[in-house]
mmCIF file of all heavy atoms, coordinates in Angstrom:
data_MODEL
# 
_entry.id   MODEL 
# 
loop_
_atom_site.group_PDB 
_atom_site.id 
_atom_site.type_symbol 
_atom_site.label_atom_id 
_atom_site.label_alt_id 
_atom_site.label_comp_id 
_atom_site.label_asym_id 
_atom_site.label_entity_id 
_atom_site.label_seq_id 
_atom_site.pdbx_PDB_ins_code 
_atom_site.Cartn_x 
_atom_site.Cartn_y 
_atom_site.Cartn_z 
_atom_site.occupancy 
_atom_site.B_iso_or_equiv 
_atom_site.pdbx_formal_charge 
_atom_site.auth_seq_id 
_atom_site.auth_comp_id 
_atom_site.auth_asym_id 
_atom_site.auth_atom_id 
_atom_site.pdbx_PDB_model_num 
ATOM 1   N N   . ASN A 1 1  ? 18.914 0.676  40.360 1.00 0.00 ? 1  ASN A N   1 
ATOM 2   C CA  . ASN A 1 1  ? 19.551 -0.440 39.665 1.00 0.00 ? 1  ASN A CA  1 
ATOM 3   C C   . ASN A 1 1  ? 20.226 -1.332 40.699 1.00 0.00 ? 1  ASN A C   1 
ATOM 4   O O   . ASN A 1 1  ? 21.309 -1.003 41.199 1.00 0.00 ? 1  ASN A O   1 
ATOM 5   C CB  . ASN A 1 1  ? 20.580 0.057  38.645 1.00 0.00 ? 1  ASN A CB  1 
ATOM 6   C CG  . ASN A 1 1  ? 21.290 -1.074 37.923 1.00 0.00 ? 1  ASN A CG  1 
ATOM 7   O OD1 . ASN A 1 1  ? 20.968 -2.253 38.114 1.00 0.00 ? 1  ASN A OD1 1 
ATOM 8   N ND2 . ASN A 1 1  ? 22.273 -0.735 37.104 1.00 0.00 ? 1  ASN A ND2 1 
ATOM 9   N N   . PRO A 1 2  ? 19.602 -2.449 41.065 1.00 0.00 ? 2  PRO A N   1 
ATOM 10  C CA  . PRO A 1 2  ? 20.177 -3.332 42.099 1.00 0.00 ? 2  PRO A CA  1 
ATOM 11  C C   . PRO A 1 2  ? 21.580 -3.828 41.773 1.00 0.00 ? 2  PRO A C   1 
ATOM 12  O O   . PRO A 1 2  ? 22.320 -4.219 42.677 1.00 0.00 ? 2  PRO A O   1 
ATOM 13  C CB  . PRO A 1 2  ? 19.183 -4.501 42.140 1.00 0.00 ? 2  PRO A CB  1 
ATOM 14  C CG  . PRO A 1 2  ? 17.897 -3.941 41.626 1.00 0.00 ? 2  PRO A CG  1 
ATOM 15  C CD  . PRO A 1 2  ? 18.306 -2.941 40.570 1.00 0.00 ? 2  PRO A CD  1 
ATOM 16  N N   . ARG A 1 3  ? 21.949 -3.801 40.489 1.00 0.00 ? 3  ARG A N   1 
ATOM 17  C CA  . ARG A 1 3  ? 23.284 -4.285 40.105 1.00 0.00 ? 3  ARG A CA  1 
ATOM 18  C C   . ARG A 1 3  ? 24.276 -3.135 39.923 1.00 0.00 ? 3  ARG A C   1 
ATOM 19  O O   . ARG A 1 3  ? 25.368 -3.323 39.408 1.00 0.00 ? 3  ARG A O   1 
ATOM 20  C CB  . ARG A 1 3  ? 23.189 -5.094 38.815 1.00 0.00 ? 3  ARG A CB  1 
ATOM 21  C CG  . ARG A 1 3  ? 22.267 -6.313 38.927 1.00 0.00 ? 3  ARG A CG  1 
ATOM 22  C CD  . ARG A 1 3  ? 22.197 -7.075 37.630 1.00 0.00 ? 3  ARG A CD  1 
ATOM 23  N NE  . ARG A 1 3  ? 23.452 -7.723 37.319 1.00 0.00 ? 3  ARG A NE  1 
ATOM 24  C CZ  . ARG A 1 3  ? 23.722 -8.309 36.145 1.00 0.00 ? 3  ARG A CZ  1 
ATOM 25  N NH1 . ARG A 1 3  ? 22.819 -8.291 35.184 1.00 0.00 ? 3  ARG A NH1 1 
ATOM 26  N NH2 . ARG A 1 3  ? 24.886 -8.895 35.937 1.00 0.00 ? 3  ARG A NH2 1 
ATOM 27  N N   . ALA A 1 4  ? 23.894 -1.958 40.330 1.00 0.00 ? 4  ALA A N   1 
ATOM 28  C CA  . ALA A 1 4  ? 24.764 -0.790 40.184 1.00 0.00 ? 4  ALA A CA  1 
ATOM 29  C C   . ALA A 1 4  ? 26.026 -0.941 41.022 1.00 0.00 ? 4  ALA A C   1 
ATOM 30  O O   . ALA A 1 4  ? 26.073 -1.702 41.988 1.00 0.00 ? 4  ALA A O   1 
ATOM 31  C CB  . ALA A 1 4  ? 24.018 0.477  40.585 1.00 0.00 ? 4  ALA A CB  1 
ATOM 32  N N   . ILE A 1 5  ? 27.061 -0.203 40.636 1.00 0.00 ? 5  ILE A N   1 
ATOM 33  C CA  . ILE A 1 5  ? 28.354 -0.237 41.305 1.00 0.00 ? 5  ILE A CA  1 
ATOM 34  C C   . ILE A 1 5  ? 28.605 1.123  41.945 1.00 0.00 ? 5  ILE A C   1 
ATOM 35  O O   . ILE A 1 5  ? 28.532 2.158  41.274 1.00 0.00 ? 5  ILE A O   1 
ATOM 36  C CB  . ILE A 1 5  ? 29.485 -0.521 40.294 1.00 0.00 ? 5  ILE A CB  1 
ATOM 37  C CG1 . ILE A 1 5  ? 29.228 -1.831 39.557 1.00 0.00 ? 5  ILE A CG1 1 
ATOM 38  C CG2 . ILE A 1 5  ? 30.837 -0.535 40.988 1.00 0.00 ? 5  ILE A CG2 1 
ATOM 39  C CD1 . ILE A 1 5  ? 30.019 -1.951 38.267 1.00 0.00 ? 5  ILE A CD1 1 
ATOM 40  N N   . THR A 1 6  ? 28.889 1.153  43.234 1.00 0.00 ? 6  THR A N   1 
ATOM 41  C CA  . THR A 1 6  ? 29.292 2.399  43.891 1.00 0.00 ? 6  THR A CA  1 
ATOM 42  C C   . THR A 1 6  ? 30.638 2.196  44.568 1.00 0.00 ? 6  THR A C   1 
ATOM 43  O O   . THR A 1 6  ? 30.870 1.183  45.229 1.00 0.00 ? 6  THR A O   1 
ATOM 44  C CB  . THR A 1 6  ? 28.253 2.866  44.934 1.00 0.00 ? 6  THR A CB  1 
ATOM 45  O OG1 . THR A 1 6  ? 28.057 1.848  45.915 1.00 0.00 ? 6  THR A OG1 1 
ATOM 46  C CG2 . THR A 1 6  ? 26.925 3.187  44.264 1.00 0.00 ? 6  THR A CG2 1 
ATOM 47  N N   . ILE A 1 7  ? 31.514 3.161  44.376 1.00 0.00 ? 7  ILE A N   1 
ATOM 48  C CA  . ILE A 1 7  ? 32.885 3.098  44.895 1.00 0.00 ? 7  ILE A CA  1 
ATOM 49  C C   . ILE A 1 7  ? 33.189 4.400  45.630 1.00 0.00 ? 7  ILE A C   1 
ATOM 50  O O   . ILE A 1 7  ? 32.885 5.487  45.129 1.00 0.00 ? 7  ILE A O   1 
ATOM 51  C CB  . ILE A 1 7  ? 33.905 2.904  43.759 1.00 0.00 ? 7  ILE A CB  1 
ATOM 52  C CG1 . ILE A 1 7  ? 33.553 1.681  42.901 1.00 0.00 ? 7  ILE A CG1 1 
ATOM 53  C CG2 . ILE A 1 7  ? 35.315 2.774  44.311 1.00 0.00 ? 7  ILE A CG2 1 
ATOM 54  C CD1 . ILE A 1 7  ? 34.373 1.579  41.632 1.00 0.00 ? 7  ILE A CD1 1 
ATOM 55  N N   . ALA A 1 8  ? 33.775 4.290  46.800 1.00 0.00 ? 8  ALA A N   1 
ATOM 56  C CA  . ALA A 1 8  ? 34.134 5.474  47.583 1.00 0.00 ? 8  ALA A CA  1 
ATOM 57  C C   . ALA A 1 8  ? 35.620 5.761  47.452 1.00 0.00 ? 8  ALA A C   1 
ATOM 58  O O   . ALA A 1 8  ? 36.449 4.892  47.715 1.00 0.00 ? 8  ALA A O   1 
ATOM 59  C CB  . ALA A 1 8  ? 33.770 5.272  49.048 1.00 0.00 ? 8  ALA A CB  1 
ATOM 60  N N   . GLU A 1 9  ? 35.937 6.989  47.042 1.00 0.00 ? 9  GLU A N   1 
ATOM 61  C CA  . GLU A 1 9  ? 37.323 7.448  47.039 1.00 0.00 ? 9  GLU A CA  1 
ATOM 62  C C   . GLU A 1 9  ? 37.565 8.087  48.404 1.00 0.00 ? 9  GLU A C   1 
ATOM 63  O O   . GLU A 1 9  ? 37.121 9.203  48.667 1.00 0.00 ? 9  GLU A O   1 
ATOM 64  C CB  . GLU A 1 9  ? 37.565 8.445  45.908 1.00 0.00 ? 9  GLU A CB  1 
ATOM 65  C CG  . GLU A 1 9  ? 39.029 8.827  45.739 1.00 0.00 ? 9  GLU A CG  1 
ATOM 66  C CD  . GLU A 1 9  ? 39.294 10.316 45.890 1.00 0.00 ? 9  GLU A CD  1 
ATOM 67  O OE1 . GLU A 1 9  ? 38.378 11.072 46.243 1.00 0.00 ? 9  GLU A OE1 1 
ATOM 68  O OE2 . GLU A 1 9  ? 40.435 10.730 45.649 1.00 0.00 ? 9  GLU A OE2 1 
ATOM 69  N N   . GLU A 1 10 ? 38.235 7.356  49.295 1.00 0.00 ? 10 GLU A N   1 
ATOM 70  C CA  . GLU A 1 10 ? 38.321 7.772  50.692 1.00 0.00 ? 10 GLU A CA  1 
ATOM 71  C C   . GLU A 1 10 ? 39.655 7.346  51.270 1.00 0.00 ? 10 GLU A C   1 
ATOM 72  O O   . GLU A 1 10 ? 40.076 6.206  51.114 1.00 0.00 ? 10 GLU A O   1 
ATOM 73  C CB  . GLU A 1 10 ? 37.173 7.116  51.471 1.00 0.00 ? 10 GLU A CB  1 
ATOM 74  C CG  . GLU A 1 10 ? 36.726 7.875  52.701 1.00 0.00 ? 10 GLU A CG  1 
ATOM 75  C CD  . GLU A 1 10 ? 37.615 7.598  53.910 1.00 0.00 ? 10 GLU A CD  1 
ATOM 76  O OE1 . GLU A 1 10 ? 37.975 6.427  54.136 1.00 0.00 ? 10 GLU A OE1 1 
ATOM 77  O OE2 . GLU A 1 10 ? 37.948 8.559  54.625 1.00 0.00 ? 10 GLU A OE2 1 
ATOM 78  N N   . VAL A 1 11 ? 40.343 8.266  51.930 1.00 0.00 ? 11 VAL A N   1 
ATOM 79  C CA  . VAL A 1 11 ? 41.712 7.993  52.371 1.00 0.00 ? 11 VAL A CA  1 
ATOM 80  C C   . VAL A 1 11 ? 41.840 7.730  53.870 1.00 0.00 ? 11 VAL A C   1 
ATOM 81  O O   . VAL A 1 11 ? 42.860 7.213  54.318 1.00 0.00 ? 11 VAL A O   1 
ATOM 82  C CB  . VAL A 1 11 ? 42.663 9.152  51.980 1.00 0.00 ? 11 VAL A CB  1 
ATOM 83  C CG1 . VAL A 1 11 ? 42.730 9.317  50.488 1.00 0.00 ? 11 VAL A CG1 1 
ATOM 84  C CG2 . VAL A 1 11 ? 42.242 10.453 52.659 1.00 0.00 ? 11 VAL A CG2 1 
ATOM 85  N N   . SER A 1 12 ? 40.840 8.071  54.670 1.00 0.00 ? 12 SER A N   1 
ATOM 86  C CA  . SER A 1 12 ? 41.006 7.955  56.121 1.00 0.00 ? 12 SER A CA  1 
ATOM 87  C C   . SER A 1 12 ? 40.834 6.528  56.616 1.00 0.00 ? 12 SER A C   1 
ATOM 88  O O   . SER A 1 12 ? 41.324 6.175  57.684 1.00 0.00 ? 12 SER A O   1 
ATOM 89  C CB  . SER A 1 12 ? 40.011 8.866  56.845 1.00 0.00 ? 12 SER A CB  1 
ATOM 90  O OG  . SER A 1 12 ? 38.706 8.308  56.861 1.00 0.00 ? 12 SER A OG  1 
ATOM 91  N N   . GLY A 1 13 ? 40.096 5.711  55.862 1.00 0.00 ? 13 GLY A N   1 
ATOM 92  C CA  . GLY A 1 13 ? 39.818 4.351  56.301 1.00 0.00 ? 13 GLY A CA  1 
ATOM 93  C C   . GLY A 1 13 ? 38.600 4.252  57.195 1.00 0.00 ? 13 GLY A C   1 
ATOM 94  O O   . GLY A 1 13 ? 38.510 3.339  58.029 1.00 0.00 ? 13 GLY A O   1 
ATOM 95  N N   . MET A 1 14 ? 37.647 5.151  57.029 1.00 0.00 ? 14 MET A N   1 
ATOM 96  C CA  . MET A 1 14 ? 36.427 5.132  57.847 1.00 0.00 ? 14 MET A CA  1 
ATOM 97  C C   . MET A 1 14 ? 35.783 3.747  57.843 1.00 0.00 ? 14 MET A C   1 
ATOM 98  O O   . MET A 1 14 ? 35.435 3.223  56.784 1.00 0.00 ? 14 MET A O   1 
ATOM 99  C CB  . MET A 1 14 ? 35.438 6.173  57.328 1.00 0.00 ? 14 MET A CB  1 
ATOM 100 C CG  . MET A 1 14 ? 34.039 6.088  57.934 1.00 0.00 ? 14 MET A CG  1 
ATOM 101 S SD  . MET A 1 14 ? 33.980 6.426  59.709 1.00 0.00 ? 14 MET A SD  1 
ATOM 102 C CE  . MET A 1 14 ? 33.992 8.223  59.723 1.00 0.00 ? 14 MET A CE  1 
ATOM 103 N N   . PRO A 1 15 ? 35.613 3.115  59.009 1.00 0.00 ? 15 PRO A N   1 
ATOM 104 C CA  . PRO A 1 15 ? 35.030 1.771  59.067 1.00 0.00 ? 15 PRO A CA  1 
ATOM 105 C C   . PRO A 1 15 ? 33.584 1.770  58.582 1.00 0.00 ? 15 PRO A C   1 
ATOM 106 O O   . PRO A 1 15 ? 32.828 2.721  58.815 1.00 0.00 ? 15 PRO A O   1 
ATOM 107 C CB  . PRO A 1 15 ? 35.101 1.425  60.555 1.00 0.00 ? 15 PRO A CB  1 
ATOM 108 C CG  . PRO A 1 15 ? 36.125 2.348  61.134 1.00 0.00 ? 15 PRO A CG  1 
ATOM 109 C CD  . PRO A 1 15 ? 36.047 3.596  60.331 1.00 0.00 ? 15 PRO A CD  1 
ATOM 110 N N   . GLY A 1 16 ? 33.205 0.701  57.899 1.00 0.00 ? 16 GLY A N   1 
ATOM 111 C CA  . GLY A 1 16 ? 31.827 0.528  57.472 1.00 0.00 ? 16 GLY A CA  1 
ATOM 112 C C   . GLY A 1 16 ? 31.449 1.223  56.190 1.00 0.00 ? 16 GLY A C   1 
ATOM 113 O O   . GLY A 1 16 ? 30.310 1.099  55.729 1.00 0.00 ? 16 GLY A O   1 
ATOM 114 N N   . LEU A 1 17 ? 32.376 1.931  55.604 1.00 0.00 ? 17 LEU A N   1 
ATOM 115 C CA  . LEU A 1 17 ? 32.056 2.683  54.396 1.00 0.00 ? 17 LEU A CA  1 
ATOM 116 C C   . LEU A 1 17 ? 31.570 1.755  53.287 1.00 0.00 ? 17 LEU A C   1 
ATOM 117 O O   . LEU A 1 17 ? 30.607 2.070  52.571 1.00 0.00 ? 17 LEU A O   1 
ATOM 118 C CB  . LEU A 1 17 ? 33.301 3.457  53.937 1.00 0.00 ? 17 LEU A CB  1 
ATOM 119 C CG  . LEU A 1 17 ? 33.089 4.579  52.927 1.00 0.00 ? 17 LEU A CG  1 
ATOM 120 C CD1 . LEU A 1 17 ? 32.237 5.683  53.511 1.00 0.00 ? 17 LEU A CD1 1 
ATOM 121 C CD2 . LEU A 1 17 ? 34.425 5.140  52.465 1.00 0.00 ? 17 LEU A CD2 1 
ATOM 122 N N   . ALA A 1 18 ? 32.230 0.613  53.132 1.00 0.00 ? 18 ALA A N   1 
ATOM 123 C CA  . ALA A 1 18 ? 31.850 -0.346 52.088 1.00 0.00 ? 18 ALA A CA  1 
ATOM 124 C C   . ALA A 1 18 ? 31.163 -1.565 52.679 1.00 0.00 ? 18 ALA A C   1 
ATOM 125 O O   . ALA A 1 18 ? 31.260 -2.662 52.153 1.00 0.00 ? 18 ALA A O   1 
ATOM 126 C CB  . ALA A 1 18 ? 33.085 -0.765 51.286 1.00 0.00 ? 18 ALA A CB  1 
ATOM 127 N N   . ALA A 1 19 ? 30.457 -1.342 53.766 1.00 0.00 ? 19 ALA A N   1 
ATOM 128 C CA  . ALA A 1 19 ? 29.645 -2.400 54.361 1.00 0.00 ? 19 ALA A CA  1 
ATOM 129 C C   . ALA A 1 19 ? 28.182 -2.155 54.005 1.00 0.00 ? 19 ALA A C   1 
ATOM 130 O O   . ALA A 1 19 ? 27.769 -1.007 53.799 1.00 0.00 ? 19 ALA A O   1 
ATOM 131 C CB  . ALA A 1 19 ? 29.810 -2.413 55.881 1.00 0.00 ? 19 ALA A CB  1 
ATOM 132 N N   . PRO A 1 20 ? 27.366 -3.208 53.901 1.00 0.00 ? 20 PRO A N   1 
ATOM 133 C CA  . PRO A 1 20 ? 25.954 -3.036 53.532 1.00 0.00 ? 20 PRO A CA  1 
ATOM 134 C C   . PRO A 1 20 ? 25.196 -2.196 54.557 1.00 0.00 ? 20 PRO A C   1 
ATOM 135 O O   . PRO A 1 20 ? 25.497 -2.217 55.756 1.00 0.00 ? 20 PRO A O   1 
ATOM 136 C CB  . PRO A 1 20 ? 25.424 -4.470 53.490 1.00 0.00 ? 20 PRO A CB  1 
ATOM 137 C CG  . PRO A 1 20 ? 26.623 -5.346 53.405 1.00 0.00 ? 20 PRO A CG  1 
ATOM 138 C CD  . PRO A 1 20 ? 27.716 -4.621 54.105 1.00 0.00 ? 20 PRO A CD  1 
ATOM 139 N N   . PHE A 1 21 ? 24.197 -1.487 54.070 1.00 0.00 ? 21 PHE A N   1 
ATOM 140 C CA  . PHE A 1 21 ? 23.375 -0.668 54.953 1.00 0.00 ? 21 PHE A CA  1 
ATOM 141 C C   . PHE A 1 21 ? 22.699 -1.518 56.023 1.00 0.00 ? 21 PHE A C   1 
ATOM 142 O O   . PHE A 1 21 ? 22.611 -1.127 57.193 1.00 0.00 ? 21 PHE A O   1 
ATOM 143 C CB  . PHE A 1 21 ? 22.310 0.065  54.124 1.00 0.00 ? 21 PHE A CB  1 
ATOM 144 C CG  . PHE A 1 21 ? 21.290 0.789  54.959 1.00 0.00 ? 21 PHE A CG  1 
ATOM 145 C CD1 . PHE A 1 21 ? 21.608 1.972  55.609 1.00 0.00 ? 21 PHE A CD1 1 
ATOM 146 C CD2 . PHE A 1 21 ? 20.004 0.282  55.113 1.00 0.00 ? 21 PHE A CD2 1 
ATOM 147 C CE1 . PHE A 1 21 ? 20.671 2.638  56.390 1.00 0.00 ? 21 PHE A CE1 1 
ATOM 148 C CE2 . PHE A 1 21 ? 19.061 0.933  55.886 1.00 0.00 ? 21 PHE A CE2 1 
ATOM 149 C CZ  . PHE A 1 21 ? 19.391 2.120  56.522 1.00 0.00 ? 21 PHE A CZ  1 
ATOM 150 N N   . ILE A 1 22 ? 22.250 -2.715 55.633 1.00 0.00 ? 22 ILE A N   1 
ATOM 151 C CA  . ILE A 1 22 ? 21.558 -3.594 56.572 1.00 0.00 ? 22 ILE A CA  1 
ATOM 152 C C   . ILE A 1 22 ? 22.471 -4.039 57.709 1.00 0.00 ? 22 ILE A C   1 
ATOM 153 O O   . ILE A 1 22 ? 22.009 -4.425 58.781 1.00 0.00 ? 22 ILE A O   1 
ATOM 154 C CB  . ILE A 1 22 ? 20.973 -4.821 55.814 1.00 0.00 ? 22 ILE A CB  1 
ATOM 155 C CG1 . ILE A 1 22 ? 19.946 -5.550 56.688 1.00 0.00 ? 22 ILE A CG1 1 
ATOM 156 C CG2 . ILE A 1 22 ? 22.089 -5.784 55.404 1.00 0.00 ? 22 ILE A CG2 1 
ATOM 157 C CD1 . ILE A 1 22 ? 19.174 -6.628 55.957 1.00 0.00 ? 22 ILE A CD1 1 
ATOM 158 N N   . ALA A 1 23 ? 23.785 -3.957 57.481 1.00 0.00 ? 23 ALA A N   1 
ATOM 159 C CA  . ALA A 1 23 ? 24.752 -4.332 58.521 1.00 0.00 ? 23 ALA A CA  1 
ATOM 160 C C   . ALA A 1 23 ? 25.266 -3.111 59.278 1.00 0.00 ? 23 ALA A C   1 
ATOM 161 O O   . ALA A 1 23 ? 26.226 -3.208 60.054 1.00 0.00 ? 23 ALA A O   1 
ATOM 162 C CB  . ALA A 1 23 ? 25.924 -5.092 57.901 1.00 0.00 ? 23 ALA A CB  1 
ATOM 163 N N   . GLY A 1 24 ? 24.656 -1.954 59.021 1.00 0.00 ? 24 GLY A N   1 
ATOM 164 C CA  . GLY A 1 24 ? 25.071 -0.733 59.697 1.00 0.00 ? 24 GLY A CA  1 
ATOM 165 C C   . GLY A 1 24 ? 26.094 0.076  58.933 1.00 0.00 ? 24 GLY A C   1 
ATOM 166 O O   . GLY A 1 24 ? 26.641 1.047  59.473 1.00 0.00 ? 24 GLY A O   1 
# 
């Protein structure tokens, strides 16, 4: 589903977690 929503419950602040796959 291209319009799907994914959210990460994450406390460390890992960089890139919510960045597009194409951007690494």
